[in-house]
């Protein structure tokens, strides 16, 4: 019985560590996604450049 409880605790700790890693990673993934969306939005809404050649 003691071995079974120890195994359960180990799995619970492993699950907790993996969950914390995903929560920490979520912040960076969300920030990156928002930055990429903002970059695309700026490209779509950008005014076209007018280039004149004087030759």
N, C-alpha and C. Protein backbone atom coordinates (compact mmCIF):
# COMPACT_ATOMS: atom_id res chain seq x y z
N UNK A 1 0.81 -1.19 0.00
CA UNK A 1 0.00 0.00 0.00
C UNK A 1 0.87 1.26 0.00
N UNK A 2 1.98 1.22 0.72
CA UNK A 2 2.85 2.39 0.80
C UNK A 2 3.45 2.72 -0.57
N UNK A 3 3.79 1.69 -1.33
CA UNK A 3 4.37 1.87 -2.66
C UNK A 3 3.35 2.52 -3.60
N UNK A 4 2.08 2.14 -3.45
CA UNK A 4 1.04 2.68 -4.30
C UNK A 4 0.83 4.17 -4.02
N UNK A 5 0.85 4.56 -2.77
CA UNK A 5 0.68 5.96 -2.40
C UNK A 5 1.87 6.78 -2.89
N UNK A 6 3.06 6.23 -2.78
CA UNK A 6 4.26 6.92 -3.25
C UNK A 6 4.18 7.14 -4.76
N UNK A 7 3.74 6.13 -5.48
CA UNK A 7 3.60 6.23 -6.93
C UNK A 7 2.58 7.31 -7.30
N UNK A 8 1.47 7.36 -6.57
CA UNK A 8 0.44 8.37 -6.83
C UNK A 8 1.00 9.77 -6.60
N UNK A 9 1.74 9.95 -5.53
CA UNK A 9 2.32 11.26 -5.21
C UNK A 9 3.32 11.67 -6.29
N UNK A 10 4.12 10.73 -6.75
CA UNK A 10 5.09 11.04 -7.81
C UNK A 10 4.38 11.48 -9.09
N UNK A 11 3.31 10.79 -9.45
CA UNK A 11 2.56 11.18 -10.64
C UNK A 11 1.90 12.55 -10.46
N UNK A 12 1.40 12.83 -9.27
CA UNK A 12 0.77 14.12 -9.00
C UNK A 12 1.81 15.24 -9.10
N UNK A 13 3.00 15.03 -8.56
CA UNK A 13 4.06 16.03 -8.65
C UNK A 13 4.50 16.24 -10.09
N UNK A 14 4.62 15.16 -10.83
CA UNK A 14 5.00 15.26 -12.24
C UNK A 14 3.96 16.05 -13.02
N UNK A 15 2.70 15.77 -12.76
CA UNK A 15 1.62 16.50 -13.43
C UNK A 15 1.65 17.98 -13.05
N UNK A 16 1.94 18.28 -11.79
CA UNK A 16 2.01 19.67 -11.34
C UNK A 16 3.16 20.41 -12.02
N UNK A 17 4.31 19.77 -12.14
CA UNK A 17 5.46 20.40 -12.79
C UNK A 17 5.18 20.64 -14.26
N UNK A 18 4.59 19.68 -14.93
CA UNK A 18 4.26 19.83 -16.36
C UNK A 18 3.22 20.94 -16.54
N UNK A 19 2.25 21.01 -15.65
CA UNK A 19 1.22 22.06 -15.73
C UNK A 19 1.84 23.45 -15.56
N UNK A 20 2.75 23.58 -14.60
CA UNK A 20 3.41 24.87 -14.39
C UNK A 20 4.25 25.26 -15.60
N UNK A 21 4.90 24.28 -16.22
CA UNK A 21 5.69 24.57 -17.41
C UNK A 21 4.80 25.07 -18.55
N UNK A 22 3.65 24.44 -18.73
CA UNK A 22 2.72 24.89 -19.77
C UNK A 22 2.18 26.28 -19.48
N UNK A 23 1.91 26.57 -18.22
CA UNK A 23 1.40 27.91 -17.88
C UNK A 23 2.47 28.97 -18.13
N UNK A 24 3.71 28.67 -17.82
CA UNK A 24 4.79 29.63 -18.06
C UNK A 24 5.01 29.81 -19.56
N UNK A 25 4.92 28.73 -20.30
CA UNK A 25 5.13 28.78 -21.75
C UNK A 25 3.99 29.54 -22.43
N UNK A 26 2.77 29.43 -21.90
CA UNK A 26 1.60 30.07 -22.49
C UNK A 26 1.80 31.58 -22.60
N UNK A 27 2.40 32.17 -21.58
CA UNK A 27 2.63 33.61 -21.57
C UNK A 27 3.47 34.03 -22.77
N UNK A 28 4.55 33.30 -23.02
CA UNK A 28 5.45 33.65 -24.11
C UNK A 28 4.82 33.36 -25.48
N UNK A 29 4.08 32.29 -25.58
CA UNK A 29 3.41 31.97 -26.85
C UNK A 29 2.35 33.02 -27.16
N UNK A 30 1.59 33.42 -26.15
CA UNK A 30 0.56 34.44 -26.36
C UNK A 30 1.19 35.77 -26.77
N UNK A 31 2.27 36.14 -26.12
CA UNK A 31 2.96 37.39 -26.45
C UNK A 31 3.49 37.36 -27.88
N UNK A 32 4.04 36.23 -28.27
CA UNK A 32 4.58 36.09 -29.63
C UNK A 32 3.45 36.15 -30.67
N UNK A 33 2.35 35.50 -30.38
CA UNK A 33 1.23 35.50 -31.32
C UNK A 33 0.67 36.91 -31.49
N UNK A 34 0.54 37.64 -30.38
CA UNK A 34 0.04 39.01 -30.47
C UNK A 34 0.99 39.90 -31.25
N UNK A 35 2.29 39.71 -31.06
CA UNK A 35 3.27 40.51 -31.79
C UNK A 35 3.20 40.21 -33.29
N UNK A 36 3.05 38.95 -33.65
CA UNK A 36 2.95 38.59 -35.07
C UNK A 36 1.68 39.14 -35.68
N UNK A 37 0.57 39.10 -34.95
CA UNK A 37 -0.67 39.66 -35.46
C UNK A 37 -0.57 41.17 -35.65
N UNK A 38 0.07 41.84 -34.71
CA UNK A 38 0.27 43.28 -34.81
C UNK A 38 1.14 43.62 -36.01
N UNK A 39 2.18 42.83 -36.25
CA UNK A 39 3.05 43.04 -37.40
C UNK A 39 2.29 42.89 -38.71
N UNK A 40 1.46 41.85 -38.81
CA UNK A 40 0.65 41.66 -40.02
C UNK A 40 -0.35 42.79 -40.19
N UNK A 41 -0.96 43.22 -39.08
CA UNK A 41 -1.91 44.33 -39.13
C UNK A 41 -1.24 45.60 -39.64
N UNK A 42 -0.05 45.87 -39.17
CA UNK A 42 0.69 47.06 -39.61
C UNK A 42 1.05 46.97 -41.09
N UNK A 43 1.38 45.77 -41.57
CA UNK A 43 1.71 45.61 -42.99
C UNK A 43 0.47 45.81 -43.86
N UNK A 44 -0.66 45.31 -43.41
CA UNK A 44 -1.89 45.43 -44.19
C UNK A 44 -2.35 46.89 -44.23
N UNK A 45 -2.25 47.57 -43.11
CA UNK A 45 -2.75 48.95 -43.01
C UNK A 45 -1.72 50.00 -43.40
N UNK A 46 -0.54 49.59 -43.78
CA UNK A 46 0.51 50.56 -44.11
C UNK A 46 0.17 51.28 -45.40
N UNK A 47 0.54 52.54 -45.45
CA UNK A 47 0.34 53.31 -46.67
C UNK A 47 1.44 52.94 -47.66
N UNK A 48 1.08 52.87 -48.93
CA UNK A 48 2.11 52.51 -49.91
C UNK A 48 3.17 53.60 -50.04
N UNK A 49 4.37 53.15 -50.25
CA UNK A 49 5.47 54.11 -50.43
C UNK A 49 5.47 54.60 -51.87
N UNK A 50 5.66 55.89 -52.04
CA UNK A 50 5.79 56.45 -53.38
C UNK A 50 7.26 56.73 -53.62
N UNK A 51 7.78 56.11 -54.62
CA UNK A 51 9.20 56.30 -54.95
C UNK A 51 9.29 56.95 -56.33
N UNK A 52 9.96 58.05 -56.36
CA UNK A 52 10.12 58.77 -57.61
C UNK A 52 11.56 58.64 -58.08
N UNK A 53 11.70 58.33 -59.32
CA UNK A 53 13.04 58.31 -59.92
C UNK A 53 13.25 59.62 -60.67
N UNK A 54 14.33 60.26 -60.40
CA UNK A 54 14.63 61.48 -61.10
C UNK A 54 15.85 61.20 -61.97
N UNK A 55 15.59 60.78 -63.19
CA UNK A 55 16.67 60.47 -64.14
C UNK A 55 16.24 60.90 -65.50
